[in-house]
Amino acid sequence: MGTLIYDGADGFAFDDRVLAHLQAVIATKLRRREGFLLIWTDRTSGIEGTLRSIWLDPSISLQFVFAHPELPELNRDWLGLLTERANGNSGLVLEDALRAEIREEVPAGSFAAARAHRRDA
């Protein structure tokens, strides 16, 4: 598990693969001087978890600390989806199912298939 350190104080745990994708998307947005909201359920404090949201802006200090010395390989499809969400009005929402698929804990396409099914219903 890696850590996203926000504003020099709060640290939030993410799987290294998820954190690497976040780093790429966040760095792109901040390079463009675009702020946005990041929202996820933090399950480190218990099974039910805590809904967290942080505002990411070029003026706020961020550190990405990875548990392993090599960065995981990035998936262009996931980068595209995360970037699309970060550009939306609701901010970048990281559902548990999406994070599980990025971590490769469920078959690729599972999150996308479930999302398409909900949209069609």
Protein backbone atom coordinates (compact mmCIF):
# COMPACT_ATOMS: atom_id res chain seq x y z
CA MET A 1 0.00 0.00 0.00
CA GLY A 2 1.20 3.42 -0.96
CA THR A 3 0.23 6.73 0.58
CA LEU A 4 -1.08 9.98 -0.82
CA ILE A 5 0.12 12.68 1.57
CA TYR A 6 -2.14 15.70 1.37
CA ASP A 7 -1.05 19.18 2.46
CA GLY A 8 1.93 17.79 4.37
CA ALA A 9 -0.27 16.23 7.08
CA ASP A 10 -2.98 13.74 6.16
CA GLY A 11 -1.92 10.46 4.59
CA PHE A 12 -4.37 8.28 2.68
CA ALA A 13 -3.63 4.65 1.79
CA PHE A 14 -4.05 3.40 -1.76
CA ASP A 15 -2.79 0.31 -3.53
CA ASP A 16 0.40 1.16 -5.46
CA ARG A 17 -1.28 0.45 -8.82
CA VAL A 18 -4.22 2.73 -8.02
CA LEU A 19 -1.87 5.39 -6.63
CA ALA A 20 0.28 5.32 -9.80
CA HIS A 21 -2.80 5.96 -11.95
CA LEU A 22 -3.92 8.74 -9.61
CA GLN A 23 -0.46 10.30 -9.74
CA ALA A 24 -0.51 10.44 -13.54
CA VAL A 25 -4.00 11.98 -13.69
CA ILE A 26 -3.43 14.42 -10.81
CA ALA A 27 -0.06 15.56 -12.20
CA THR A 28 -1.64 16.27 -15.59
CA LYS A 29 -4.49 18.28 -14.06
CA LEU A 30 -2.20 20.27 -11.75
CA ARG A 31 0.28 20.98 -14.55
CA ARG A 32 -2.64 22.63 -16.34
CA ARG A 33 -3.39 24.55 -13.13
CA GLU A 34 -6.79 22.86 -12.83
CA GLY A 35 -8.18 22.01 -9.42
CA PHE A 36 -10.68 19.20 -8.84
CA LEU A 37 -12.31 17.03 -6.19
CA LEU A 38 -11.14 13.47 -5.41
CA ILE A 39 -13.77 11.29 -3.66
CA TRP A 40 -13.43 7.71 -2.36
CA THR A 41 -14.48 5.41 0.45
CA ASP A 42 -11.56 4.95 2.83
CA ARG A 43 -11.80 1.42 4.23
CA THR A 44 -8.63 1.61 6.35
CA SER A 45 -10.68 2.61 9.40
CA GLY A 46 -13.16 -0.28 9.22
CA ILE A 47 -15.33 -2.46 7.02
CA GLU A 48 -17.99 0.17 6.44
CA GLY A 49 -15.41 2.84 5.71
CA THR A 50 -15.47 6.61 5.65
CA LEU A 51 -16.42 8.71 2.65
CA ARG A 52 -13.54 11.09 1.99
CA SER A 53 -13.13 13.97 -0.38
CA ILE A 54 -10.18 16.28 -0.87
CA TRP A 55 -9.78 19.30 -3.10
CA LEU A 56 -6.69 19.01 -5.28
CA ASP A 57 -5.20 22.29 -6.41
CA PRO A 58 -1.73 23.41 -7.58
CA SER A 59 -1.31 25.43 -4.36
CA ILE A 60 -1.70 22.34 -2.11
CA SER A 61 1.31 20.17 -1.32
CA LEU A 62 1.03 16.50 -2.41
CA GLN A 63 3.38 13.56 -2.06
CA PHE A 64 2.97 10.11 -3.57
CA VAL A 65 4.76 7.48 -1.49
CA PHE A 66 4.89 4.01 -3.01
CA ALA A 67 5.43 0.80 -1.06
CA HIS A 68 7.61 -0.65 -3.84
CA PRO A 69 10.55 0.99 -5.60
CA GLU A 70 9.18 0.41 -9.13
CA LEU A 71 6.08 2.13 -10.46
CA PRO A 72 3.37 -0.24 -11.65
CA GLU A 73 2.55 -0.31 -15.36
CA LEU A 74 -0.15 2.17 -16.30
CA ASN A 75 -3.24 1.20 -18.27
CA ARG A 76 -4.29 3.77 -20.91
CA ASP A 77 -7.97 2.83 -20.59
CA TRP A 78 -7.93 3.51 -16.86
CA LEU A 79 -6.03 6.76 -17.35
CA GLY A 80 -8.66 7.86 -19.87
CA LEU A 81 -11.55 6.99 -17.55
CA LEU A 82 -9.95 8.66 -14.52
CA THR A 83 -9.10 11.77 -16.54
CA GLU A 84 -12.64 11.96 -17.88
CA ARG A 85 -13.98 11.79 -14.33
CA ALA A 86 -11.50 14.37 -13.03
CA ASN A 87 -12.69 16.74 -15.77
CA GLY A 88 -16.37 16.27 -14.82
CA ASN A 89 -18.45 18.43 -12.51
CA SER A 90 -18.67 15.72 -9.82
CA GLY A 91 -14.92 15.28 -9.55
CA LEU A 92 -12.92 12.08 -9.66
CA VAL A 93 -15.04 9.49 -7.83
CA LEU A 94 -13.16 6.23 -7.13
CA GLU A 95 -15.74 3.52 -6.45
CA ASP A 96 -14.58 0.34 -4.71
CA ALA A 97 -15.33 -1.71 -7.85
CA LEU A 98 -13.21 0.58 -10.01
CA ARG A 99 -10.31 0.42 -7.56
CA ALA A 100 -10.57 -3.39 -7.42
CA GLU A 101 -10.38 -3.61 -11.21
CA ILE A 102 -7.38 -1.26 -11.38
CA ARG A 103 -5.70 -3.46 -8.73
CA GLU A 104 -6.49 -6.41 -11.03
CA GLU A 105 -8.46 -8.18 -8.30
CA VAL A 106 -11.46 -8.69 -10.59
CA PRO A 107 -11.49 -9.45 -14.33
CA ALA A 108 -10.88 -6.53 -16.64
CA GLY A 109 -14.14 -5.04 -17.87
CA SER A 110 -16.11 -5.99 -14.75
CA PHE A 111 -16.51 -2.41 -13.55
CA ALA A 112 -17.23 -1.13 -17.03
CA ALA A 113 -19.75 -3.92 -17.66
CA ALA A 114 -21.54 -3.27 -14.36
CA ARG A 115 -21.65 0.46 -15.10
CA ALA A 116 -23.07 -0.13 -18.58
CA HIS A 117 -25.67 -2.52 -17.14
CA ARG A 118 -26.80 0.10 -14.59
CA ARG A 119 -27.02 2.70 -17.35
CA ASP A 120 -29.19 0.44 -19.54
CA ALA A 121 -31.56 -0.51 -16.70
